[in-house]
């Protein structure tokens, strides 16, 4: 079974984003805010003739965007830049996409993406279920 989940209002963490471009708007006073993200994920079922042996959950794509707002030392907004995230493009450039917390789920649990971590230093996106 495949799912395309619009995730809004969950924890989205952007780590190690050291954006210096465009240079005229680079500032050490920055705020990162996530916009809407869409997570594409699947549930694989392992079945036997006696019933369902198990299920695995894997996120295979994520798309979305976040805003980086720069301020000067007087807290006046200098710029607001939108950054687009598409894991298929990032995976082609050495990034990894991980699924976390899925193995802890029971068949009776509700399952959906609960958090997203985008780590620019380690080039990793983690989707938590």
Protein backbone atom coordinates (compact mmCIF):
# COMPACT_ATOMS: atom_id res chain seq x y z
CA UNK A 1 0.00 0.00 0.00
CA UNK A 2 1.29 3.41 -0.94
CA UNK A 3 0.48 6.70 0.77
CA UNK A 4 1.02 10.36 -0.10
CA UNK A 5 0.62 12.26 3.14
CA UNK A 6 0.43 16.05 3.35
CA UNK A 7 2.14 16.85 6.61
CA UNK A 8 1.38 20.14 8.23
CA UNK A 9 1.73 21.01 11.87
CA UNK A 10 4.26 18.27 12.71
CA UNK A 11 7.82 18.85 13.86
CA UNK A 12 10.10 19.78 10.96
CA UNK A 13 13.69 20.41 12.01
CA UNK A 14 16.23 21.98 9.65
CA UNK A 15 19.77 21.35 10.96
CA UNK A 16 23.11 22.84 9.97
CA UNK A 17 21.69 25.11 7.28
CA UNK A 18 24.52 27.58 6.81
CA UNK A 19 23.23 29.48 3.81
CA UNK A 20 25.38 32.42 2.81
CA UNK A 21 23.68 33.19 -0.49
CA UNK A 22 22.67 35.57 -1.75
CA UNK A 23 25.68 37.26 -0.08
CA UNK A 24 24.01 40.65 0.27
CA UNK A 25 21.37 39.10 2.53
CA UNK A 26 23.62 36.78 4.54
CA UNK A 27 23.12 37.34 8.23
CA UNK A 28 23.90 35.56 11.48
CA UNK A 29 20.38 36.47 12.65
CA UNK A 30 18.16 33.95 10.89
CA UNK A 31 14.90 32.15 11.41
CA UNK A 32 13.90 28.93 9.67
CA UNK A 33 10.24 28.03 9.28
CA UNK A 34 8.82 24.98 7.52
CA UNK A 35 6.04 25.15 4.97
CA UNK A 36 3.93 22.19 3.93
CA UNK A 37 5.65 18.90 3.15
CA UNK A 38 4.37 15.82 1.33
CA UNK A 39 5.75 12.42 2.34
CA UNK A 40 5.45 9.48 -0.03
CA UNK A 41 5.66 6.20 1.86
CA UNK A 42 4.64 2.59 1.61
CA UNK A 43 3.68 -0.33 3.82
CA UNK A 44 5.02 -3.71 2.74
CA UNK A 45 3.18 -6.71 4.13
CA UNK A 46 4.75 -10.09 4.66
CA UNK A 47 2.04 -12.71 4.49
CA UNK A 48 1.89 -16.45 4.93
CA UNK A 49 -0.97 -18.83 4.26
CA UNK A 50 -1.82 -18.69 7.96
CA UNK A 51 -2.00 -14.88 8.01
CA UNK A 52 0.06 -11.68 8.23
CA UNK A 53 3.59 -12.24 9.54
CA UNK A 54 4.63 -8.61 9.61
CA UNK A 55 4.69 -5.23 7.96
CA UNK A 56 7.43 -2.72 7.20
CA UNK A 57 7.06 1.01 6.64
CA UNK A 58 9.41 2.88 4.30
CA UNK A 59 9.40 6.55 3.26
CA UNK A 60 10.73 6.85 -0.28
CA UNK A 61 10.22 10.51 -1.19
CA UNK A 62 9.59 13.86 0.44
CA UNK A 63 8.81 17.20 -1.16
CA UNK A 64 8.26 20.55 0.45
CA UNK A 65 9.82 23.87 1.27
CA UNK A 66 11.00 26.06 4.10
CA UNK A 67 11.64 29.77 4.51
CA UNK A 68 14.89 31.30 5.68
CA UNK A 69 14.33 34.81 7.00
CA UNK A 70 17.38 37.00 7.67
CA UNK A 71 17.41 39.94 10.06
CA UNK A 72 19.89 42.69 10.81
CA UNK A 73 21.19 43.40 14.30
CA UNK A 74 18.18 45.68 14.94
CA UNK A 75 15.77 42.79 14.19
CA UNK A 76 14.66 44.32 10.89
CA UNK A 77 13.93 41.77 8.18
CA UNK A 78 16.52 41.85 5.39
CA UNK A 79 15.28 39.03 3.21
CA UNK A 80 13.06 36.00 3.03
CA UNK A 81 14.17 33.11 0.82
CA UNK A 82 12.24 29.92 0.08
CA UNK A 83 14.22 26.68 -0.24
CA UNK A 84 12.65 23.72 -2.02
CA UNK A 85 13.23 20.15 -0.84
CA UNK A 86 12.83 17.19 -3.19
CA UNK A 87 14.50 14.06 -1.87
CA UNK A 88 14.77 12.49 -5.33
CA UNK A 89 17.03 15.34 -6.44
CA UNK A 90 18.97 15.29 -3.17
CA UNK A 91 19.47 11.49 -3.33
CA UNK A 92 21.12 11.94 -6.73
CA UNK A 93 23.55 14.33 -5.03
CA UNK A 94 24.71 12.05 -2.22
CA UNK A 95 21.94 12.52 0.34
CA UNK A 96 20.25 9.70 2.29
CA UNK A 97 16.60 9.24 3.22
CA UNK A 98 15.91 7.28 6.42
CA UNK A 99 12.75 6.01 8.08
CA UNK A 100 12.77 6.00 11.88
CA UNK A 101 10.42 4.55 14.47
CA UNK A 102 8.52 2.39 12.01
CA UNK A 103 9.80 -0.90 13.42
CA UNK A 104 8.33 -0.01 16.83
CA UNK A 105 4.78 0.09 15.47
CA UNK A 106 2.23 -2.62 16.24
CA UNK A 107 -0.45 -3.69 13.78
CA UNK A 108 -3.04 -1.94 15.96
CA UNK A 109 -1.17 1.42 15.97
CA UNK A 110 -2.09 4.44 13.88
CA UNK A 111 0.75 5.06 11.45
CA UNK A 112 1.64 8.33 9.76
CA UNK A 113 4.68 10.63 9.54
CA UNK A 114 5.23 12.38 12.89
CA UNK A 115 8.44 14.37 12.37
CA UNK A 116 10.95 15.35 9.69
CA UNK A 117 14.62 16.15 10.22
CA UNK A 118 16.62 17.67 7.36
CA UNK A 119 20.33 17.70 8.19
CA UNK A 120 22.49 19.65 5.73
CA UNK A 121 25.77 18.75 7.45
CA UNK A 122 25.27 14.97 7.19
CA UNK A 123 23.18 15.20 3.99
CA UNK A 124 20.38 13.21 5.57
CA UNK A 125 16.59 13.38 5.73
CA UNK A 126 14.90 11.37 8.47
CA UNK A 127 11.16 10.71 8.54
CA UNK A 128 9.84 9.57 11.93
CA UNK A 129 6.66 7.52 12.22
